[in-house]
Protein backbone atom coordinates (compact mmCIF):
# COMPACT_ATOMS: atom_id res chain seq x y z
CA MET A 1 0.21 0.39 0.22
CA THR A 2 1.37 3.55 -0.83
CA ILE A 3 2.01 6.55 2.20
CA ASN A 4 -0.62 8.63 -0.27
CA ARG A 5 -3.54 5.28 -0.02
CA THR A 6 -2.51 4.75 3.35
CA LEU A 7 -2.52 8.50 4.03
CA ALA A 8 -6.21 9.28 2.15
CA ILE A 9 -7.99 6.28 4.10
CA ALA A 10 -6.54 8.12 7.35
CA LEU A 11 -7.93 11.30 6.35
CA ALA A 12 -10.96 9.74 5.53
CA SER A 13 -12.08 7.58 9.45
CA LEU A 14 -10.59 10.93 10.96
CA LEU A 15 -12.63 12.96 9.60
CA LEU A 16 -16.07 10.58 9.68
CA LEU A 17 -14.63 10.55 13.33
CA SER A 18 -14.54 14.23 13.58
CA ALA A 19 -17.50 14.16 12.39
CA CYS A 20 -19.39 12.44 14.64
CA THR A 21 -18.64 14.01 17.37
CA ASP A 22 -21.23 16.86 17.08
CA ASP A 23 -23.62 16.70 14.53
CA SER A 24 -25.24 19.87 15.57
CA ASP A 25 -23.13 22.16 14.08
CA PRO A 26 -23.23 22.39 10.72
CA SER A 27 -19.44 22.85 9.07
CA VAL A 28 -19.30 19.64 10.28
CA ALA A 29 -22.22 17.78 9.90
CA LYS A 30 -21.42 18.76 5.98
CA GLN A 31 -17.76 17.91 5.61
CA ARG A 32 -19.70 14.59 7.06
CA ASP A 33 -22.65 14.07 4.21
CA HIS A 34 -19.22 14.43 2.31
CA ALA A 35 -17.42 12.03 3.34
CA ASP A 36 -20.73 9.27 3.41
CA ARG A 37 -21.53 10.26 -0.31
CA THR A 38 -17.18 9.90 -0.96
CA ALA A 39 -17.58 6.19 1.02
CA THR A 40 -20.85 5.98 -1.36
CA ALA A 41 -19.50 6.64 -4.40
CA ASP A 42 -16.33 4.04 -3.55
CA GLY A 43 -18.55 1.70 -3.09
CA SER A 44 -20.03 1.86 -6.62
CA GLU A 45 -17.20 2.26 -8.04
CA ASN A 46 -15.50 -1.42 -6.35
CA HIS A 47 -18.59 -3.13 -6.61
CA ASN A 48 -18.67 -2.13 -10.30
CA ASP A 49 -15.41 -3.76 -10.77
CA ASP A 50 -14.83 -7.68 -12.52
CA GLY A 51 -15.74 -9.57 -9.35
CA ASP A 52 -12.65 -8.40 -7.79
CA GLU A 53 -13.64 -7.68 -4.35
CA HIS A 54 -10.30 -5.52 -3.25
CA GLY A 55 -10.56 -3.93 -6.59
CA ASP A 56 -7.68 -3.61 -8.89
CA GLU A 57 -5.19 -0.28 -9.58
CA HIS A 58 -7.63 1.56 -11.29
CA GLY A 59 -10.71 0.64 -7.98
CA ASP A 60 -6.98 2.02 -6.51
CA GLU A 61 -6.56 5.33 -7.50
CA ALA A 62 -9.86 5.66 -7.37
CA HIS A 63 -9.62 5.59 -3.92
CA ASP A 64 -5.89 7.79 -3.95
CA GLU A 65 -8.17 10.71 -5.42
CA ALA A 66 -11.35 10.37 -2.90
CA ALA A 67 -8.80 11.89 0.04
CA PRO A 68 -11.08 14.25 2.33
CA ARG A 69 -11.24 18.62 2.34
CA TRP A 70 -9.84 19.82 4.84
CA ASN A 71 -11.00 22.86 5.89
CA ALA A 72 -10.10 25.49 8.82
CA THR A 73 -12.79 24.11 10.34
CA SER A 74 -11.66 20.30 9.81
CA LEU A 75 -8.15 20.82 11.00
CA GLU A 76 -8.59 22.61 14.11
CA VAL A 77 -11.18 19.87 14.86
CA ALA A 78 -8.37 17.48 14.34
CA GLY A 79 -6.21 19.65 16.23
CA ILE A 80 -4.14 20.10 13.39
CA ARG A 81 -1.79 23.13 12.52
CA VAL A 82 -0.54 24.45 9.52
CA ALA A 83 1.70 27.91 8.65
CA THR A 84 4.13 28.63 5.75
CA LEU A 85 7.26 27.56 5.48
CA GLN A 86 10.02 29.92 6.10
CA PRO A 87 13.60 30.40 6.38
CA GLN A 88 14.80 31.13 9.67
CA SER A 89 18.00 31.97 11.77
CA LEU A 90 18.35 29.15 13.93
CA ARG A 91 20.36 28.36 16.96
CA GLU A 92 20.28 26.49 19.78
CA THR A 93 18.20 27.04 23.24
CA LEU A 94 18.87 25.50 26.23
CA ARG A 95 16.06 25.17 29.06
CA ALA A 96 16.99 25.86 32.41
CA PRO A 97 15.31 25.40 36.00
CA GLY A 98 15.38 28.88 37.37
CA GLU A 99 14.26 31.00 40.50
CA VAL A 100 12.29 34.10 40.83
CA VAL A 101 14.63 36.60 43.49
CA ASP A 102 14.52 40.43 44.42
CA ASN A 103 15.91 43.12 42.30
CA GLY A 104 19.00 43.81 44.84
CA TYR A 105 19.88 46.96 42.96
CA GLY A 106 15.84 48.13 44.52
CA THR A 107 15.63 46.77 47.21
CA THR A 108 16.03 48.42 50.67
CA LEU A 109 15.85 47.66 54.45
CA ILE A 110 14.35 50.36 56.19
CA THR A 111 16.64 50.20 59.58
CA PRO A 112 16.64 53.11 62.80
CA ARG A 113 19.64 54.79 62.69
CA ILE A 114 19.65 54.75 66.64
CA ASP A 115 17.84 52.83 68.94
CA ALA A 116 14.23 54.26 69.32
CA LEU A 117 10.56 53.53 70.38
CA VAL A 118 8.21 52.69 68.02
CA VAL A 119 4.95 55.76 67.84
CA LYS A 120 2.74 54.92 64.69
CA ARG A 121 3.02 52.57 61.55
CA HIS A 122 2.10 54.06 58.18
CA ALA A 123 2.69 50.83 55.43
CA ARG A 124 1.48 47.65 55.63
CA LEU A 125 2.83 44.39 54.92
CA GLY A 126 2.03 43.70 51.02
CA GLU A 127 1.12 47.16 50.81
CA GLU A 128 2.32 49.44 47.72
CA VAL A 129 3.93 53.31 47.98
CA PRO A 130 5.00 55.54 46.43
CA LYS A 131 8.38 57.42 46.72
CA GLY A 132 8.35 59.80 49.60
CA ALA A 133 5.72 57.84 51.97
CA PRO A 134 5.55 58.18 54.89
CA LEU A 135 6.21 53.90 56.48
CA VAL A 136 6.92 54.24 60.37
CA THR A 137 7.33 56.95 63.35
CA LEU A 138 9.78 56.47 65.95
CA SER A 139 10.36 58.51 69.38
CA SER A 140 13.98 58.89 70.63
CA VAL A 141 15.47 60.79 74.05
CA GLU A 142 18.74 61.44 71.44
CA VAL A 143 16.22 63.03 68.74
CA ALA A 144 14.52 65.09 70.92
CA GLU A 145 17.89 66.79 72.57
CA ALA A 146 19.12 66.32 68.84
CA GLN A 147 16.44 69.01 68.28
CA SER A 148 16.13 70.65 70.71
CA ALA A 149 19.15 71.86 70.15
CA LEU A 150 18.64 72.55 66.30
CA ARG A 151 15.89 74.79 67.65
CA LEU A 152 17.83 76.79 69.88
CA ALA A 153 21.18 76.74 67.12
CA GLU A 154 18.31 78.20 64.34
CA GLN A 155 16.97 80.91 67.07
CA GLU A 156 20.61 82.97 67.52
CA TRP A 157 21.22 81.94 63.98
CA LYS A 158 18.10 84.17 62.92
CA ARG A 159 18.88 86.40 65.77
CA VAL A 160 22.61 87.07 64.41
CA GLN A 161 21.16 87.44 60.73
CA ALA A 162 18.83 90.10 62.38
CA LEU A 163 21.21 92.47 63.32
CA GLY A 164 23.56 92.04 61.06
CA ARG A 165 26.95 91.70 60.22
CA ASP A 166 27.63 95.50 61.46
CA ALA A 167 26.01 95.12 65.49
CA VAL A 168 27.35 91.84 66.45
CA SER A 169 31.48 90.77 66.42
CA GLY A 170 32.65 88.65 63.65
CA ARG A 171 33.70 85.48 66.11
CA ARG A 172 30.36 85.51 67.44
CA TYR A 173 28.03 84.87 64.00
CA GLY A 174 31.05 82.86 62.65
CA GLU A 175 30.00 81.07 66.05
CA ALA A 176 26.08 80.69 65.55
CA GLN A 177 26.41 79.42 61.50
CA VAL A 178 29.00 76.54 62.64
CA ALA A 179 26.38 75.79 66.29
CA VAL A 180 23.20 75.96 63.66
CA GLU A 181 25.30 73.10 60.82
CA GLN A 182 25.95 70.93 63.21
CA ALA A 183 23.25 70.84 64.66
CA ARG A 184 21.20 70.56 61.40
CA ALA A 185 23.89 67.56 60.49
CA THR A 186 23.19 65.60 63.63
CA ALA A 187 19.51 65.48 62.82
CA GLN A 188 19.95 64.08 59.80
CA ALA A 189 22.93 61.75 60.60
CA TYR A 190 20.25 60.03 62.94
CA GLY A 191 17.59 60.53 59.57
CA LEU A 192 15.49 62.76 60.01
CA GLY A 193 16.54 64.32 56.62
CA SER A 194 17.18 68.08 55.75
CA ASP A 195 13.16 69.36 55.84
CA VAL A 196 12.95 67.11 59.37
CA GLU A 197 10.32 69.07 62.15
CA VAL A 198 11.78 71.04 64.76
CA ASN A 199 9.12 70.23 67.48
CA ALA A 200 11.66 68.64 70.30
CA ARG A 201 9.10 65.92 70.61
CA GLY A 202 11.64 63.40 69.74
CA ASP A 203 9.04 62.23 66.76
CA PHE A 204 11.03 61.51 63.98
CA THR A 205 8.99 59.51 60.66
CA LEU A 206 11.06 56.84 58.28
CA LYS A 207 9.78 58.10 54.72
CA ALA A 208 10.06 55.90 51.23
CA PRO A 209 13.79 56.04 49.47
CA HIS A 210 11.25 54.71 45.99
CA ALA A 211 8.54 53.44 45.33
CA GLY A 212 8.60 49.70 46.04
CA ARG A 213 6.18 47.18 47.63
CA ILE A 214 6.35 45.77 51.77
CA THR A 215 7.26 42.43 51.89
CA GLN A 216 8.74 42.48 55.04
CA ASP A 217 7.73 43.87 58.13
CA ALA A 218 8.98 42.88 61.60
CA PHE A 219 7.74 45.43 64.32
CA VAL A 220 4.36 46.50 66.59
CA ILE A 221 3.52 49.42 68.09
CA GLY A 222 5.06 50.16 71.09
CA GLN A 223 8.35 47.89 70.52
CA ARG A 224 11.76 49.00 71.25
CA ILE A 225 14.01 48.92 68.55
CA GLU A 226 17.51 48.91 68.44
CA SER A 227 19.66 50.62 65.66
CA GLY A 228 19.95 49.43 62.53
CA GLN A 229 17.13 46.90 62.68
CA VAL A 230 14.89 46.12 59.87
CA LEU A 231 11.92 47.57 59.99
CA PHE A 232 10.29 46.86 56.48
CA ARG A 233 11.55 45.67 53.40
CA LEU A 234 11.28 47.63 50.63
CA VAL A 235 11.25 46.18 47.41
CA ASP A 236 10.63 47.66 43.10
CA GLU A 237 9.64 44.83 41.57
CA SER A 238 9.17 46.42 38.70
CA ILE A 239 12.51 44.53 37.58
CA VAL A 240 12.99 41.34 39.27
CA TRP A 241 16.15 39.50 38.61
CA VAL A 242 15.68 35.55 37.82
CA ASP A 243 18.85 33.25 38.55
CA ALA A 244 19.06 29.82 36.06
CA LYS A 245 20.96 27.18 36.47
CA LEU A 246 22.92 25.39 34.21
CA PRO A 247 25.63 22.78 33.78
CA ALA A 248 29.74 24.71 34.01
CA GLU A 249 30.81 23.26 30.23
CA GLN A 250 26.73 24.93 28.88
CA ALA A 251 27.15 28.05 30.66
CA HIS A 252 30.25 30.29 29.11
CA ARG A 253 27.60 29.94 25.74
CA ILE A 254 25.42 31.76 27.08
CA ALA A 255 25.93 35.80 26.07
CA ILE A 256 25.92 38.94 28.50
CA GLY A 257 23.14 40.83 27.44
CA ALA A 258 21.21 37.62 25.10
CA GLU A 259 17.08 37.59 25.21
CA ALA A 260 15.60 35.15 26.78
CA GLU A 261 12.86 33.78 28.05
CA VAL A 262 10.99 33.01 31.36
CA ALA A 263 7.51 30.72 31.90
CA LEU A 264 6.05 30.42 34.66
CA GLY A 265 2.37 28.12 33.74
CA GLN A 266 1.11 29.38 30.87
CA LEU A 267 2.72 32.74 31.43
CA ARG A 268 5.58 33.77 29.02
CA LEU A 269 7.34 36.93 30.23
CA ARG A 270 10.99 38.58 28.03
CA GLY A 271 14.67 39.10 29.70
CA LYS A 272 18.39 39.31 28.81
CA VAL A 273 21.19 37.89 30.87
CA MET A 274 22.85 40.53 32.75
CA GLN A 275 25.62 38.50 34.38
CA HIS A 276 27.19 34.95 35.12
CA ALA A 277 28.19 33.86 38.59
CA HIS A 278 31.32 33.26 38.47
CA HIS A 279 31.75 30.64 41.04
CA THR A 280 30.52 26.10 39.71
CA SER A 281 28.44 24.60 42.89
CA GLU A 282 30.63 22.29 44.70
CA ASP A 283 27.28 19.92 45.17
CA THR A 284 25.40 20.28 41.69
CA ARG A 285 28.31 21.20 39.57
CA ASN A 286 25.76 24.47 38.10
CA ALA A 287 26.78 27.84 37.27
CA LYS A 288 24.38 30.29 38.23
CA ILE A 289 23.16 32.67 35.27
CA ARG A 290 21.16 36.00 36.06
CA LEU A 291 18.74 37.53 33.72
CA GLU A 292 17.03 40.68 34.73
CA VAL A 293 13.18 40.33 33.32
CA PRO A 294 10.58 43.34 33.40
CA ASN A 295 7.60 42.32 35.79
CA ALA A 296 4.57 43.25 33.46
CA GLY A 297 1.32 42.53 35.49
CA ASP A 298 3.45 42.88 38.66
CA ARG A 299 3.22 38.83 37.80
CA LEU A 300 6.44 36.75 38.90
CA HIS A 301 7.48 37.27 42.98
CA GLY A 302 10.47 35.85 44.80
CA GLY A 303 10.89 32.28 45.24
CA ASP A 304 9.16 31.62 41.89
CA PHE A 305 10.22 28.56 40.56
CA VAL A 306 10.21 29.11 36.54
CA ASP A 307 11.33 27.78 33.71
CA VAL A 308 14.15 29.25 31.37
CA TYR A 309 14.92 29.53 27.98
CA LEU A 310 18.40 30.62 26.66
CA PRO A 311 20.03 31.03 23.80
CA ALA A 312 23.71 28.85 23.72
CA GLY A 313 26.32 30.65 20.98
CA GLU A 314 25.27 32.67 17.76
CA PRO A 315 22.76 31.92 15.23
CA GLY A 316 23.47 30.61 11.65
CA PRO A 317 22.50 31.09 8.26
CA ALA A 318 18.79 31.47 7.33
CA GLN A 319 17.41 27.37 6.11
CA LEU A 320 13.96 25.86 6.44
CA ALA A 321 13.47 23.84 9.29
CA LEU A 322 10.17 22.54 10.45
CA PRO A 323 10.19 21.15 14.15
CA THR A 324 11.20 18.17 15.14
CA ALA A 325 7.84 16.52 16.61
CA ALA A 326 5.91 17.43 12.91
CA LEU A 327 8.23 14.79 11.40
CA VAL A 328 7.26 11.24 11.52
CA GLN A 329 8.32 7.96 10.34
CA MET A 330 6.32 6.38 7.63
CA GLU A 331 7.59 3.05 5.93
CA GLY A 332 11.32 3.63 6.30
CA GLU A 333 11.01 6.98 5.16
CA THR A 334 11.03 10.92 7.64
CA VAL A 335 7.70 11.90 6.27
CA ALA A 336 6.34 16.15 6.52
CA PHE A 337 3.17 16.61 5.96
CA ARG A 338 2.53 19.28 3.41
CA GLN A 339 -1.16 21.25 2.47
CA ASP A 340 -2.32 21.74 -1.76
CA GLY A 341 -5.79 23.74 -1.35
CA GLU A 342 -8.02 21.61 0.67
CA SER A 343 -5.71 18.10 0.79
CA ILE A 344 -2.90 16.61 3.03
CA GLU A 345 -0.93 14.58 1.33
CA PRO A 346 2.59 13.22 2.95
CA VAL A 347 5.61 13.99 1.26
CA PRO A 348 8.93 12.62 2.15
CA VAL A 349 11.96 14.97 3.16
CA ARG A 350 15.68 14.90 3.59
CA THR A 351 16.62 16.10 7.19
CA GLY A 352 19.90 17.89 8.40
CA ALA A 353 21.19 19.56 11.81
CA VAL A 354 18.56 18.96 15.09
CA ILE A 355 18.89 22.66 16.26
CA GLY A 356 16.60 23.28 18.97
CA ASP A 357 13.12 21.73 18.54
CA GLN A 358 13.74 22.22 15.23
CA THR A 359 14.87 20.24 11.92
CA VAL A 360 16.59 21.53 9.37
CA ILE A 361 14.78 20.57 5.82
CA LEU A 362 17.54 19.49 2.84
CA SER A 363 15.17 18.98 0.56
CA GLY A 364 11.19 17.73 -0.26
CA LEU A 365 9.80 21.00 0.54
CA ALA A 366 10.25 24.70 -0.77
CA ALA A 367 10.01 28.03 0.38
CA GLY A 368 6.10 28.47 0.29
CA ASP A 369 4.76 25.15 1.41
CA ARG A 370 1.80 25.45 3.40
CA VAL A 371 2.84 22.29 5.99
CA VAL A 372 1.47 21.24 9.12
CA ILE A 373 4.09 22.18 12.09
CA GLU A 374 1.04 20.45 14.95
CA GLY A 375 -0.77 16.87 14.59
CA ALA A 376 1.37 15.13 12.29
CA TYR A 377 0.80 12.27 14.41
CA VAL A 378 -2.45 12.26 14.69
CA LEU A 379 -2.45 11.86 10.96
CA LYS A 380 0.73 9.27 11.19
CA SER A 381 -1.99 7.43 13.72
CA GLN A 382 -5.02 7.10 12.09
CA ALA A 383 -2.61 5.61 8.55
CA LEU A 384 -1.46 2.83 11.05
CA LYS A 385 -4.83 2.43 12.02
CA SER A 386 -6.13 2.27 8.45
CA GLN A 387 -3.12 0.05 7.63
CA LEU A 388 -3.83 -2.72 10.42
CA GLY A 389 -7.14 -2.27 9.50
CA GLU A 390 -6.84 -3.40 6.20
CA GLY A 391 -4.38 -5.80 6.80
CA HIS A 392 -7.16 -8.10 8.94
CA ALA A 393 -9.86 -7.52 6.52
CA HIS A 394 -7.88 -8.58 3.28
């Protein structure tokens, strides 16, 4: 039995099976009616033959000519996708496990510079805050003393300025100026900022140095906080980092600045390779590749596990290629499926190198051909079932 004849039988069976799944669909019902009429016509031809129940060569040709017609609806029902074959520049893609981590260049730990008491909370865990937003108000005896000293120094400085250089000695004028500058520097060293309000109560508010999300919140109202103790962790999640792990012998093939794809379930995001870790794990012998990924829609968060697809090496010259899964073995030949109008036929091809998930096509197909890129194994499976059925009938 030829490949064409086998495929014709298979496709007819597949189309009839698809039609039976939904008689209420007019387009599917039409295809079923067409298949029935084709089968009836074939039966009439065979019945009018010279008594040979298997038919002769003319019967075979008629059977080949009765191949089912494929339109958009029937292709979708059968799970078959067709695309136009075009030359493409290929390079290998490596898949690696990865983990989303906080962008270290966009992360800030909010801490007091002196011991203080928590007076009021302004932000909560998980909240997104803009730059300059108040986060927490603290109170400290040292700050009260610094505020008082600044208040007195500013009053003296204003008095000296009002009198003028002619009314006061140069020494007093200079001392007043130095005193106010020192008092301001002390207040700023405590983290009060240049716009601190001089109230001498010891209260001061820590503000967000940049926009971001609160990912850590480690205090309660009334708690005594030590200098340097972390109150908030503020993370800018508009750009996240992804750490991918590759065997050391593969990691060197990934170029800095190369574009890569990050997959989390059905989510796909693009990123760029920003750095290689110049260290190989002693336990796993893997090296780390870090990517910078724009986090559109705030979909990725620290701790997420993802798949990373990294381009390796340089792209080669443009050439014809098909997804490797679109090629099947039939009767000892490598076969692709080509669409011609509303018919699909198997085409033996000669293949070259396998690059990533693509296989180079050396001959058998041409640029511009409409070829099956998904569903080839469905067609092959039906063809094999039809072969077994005919062999049993004989």
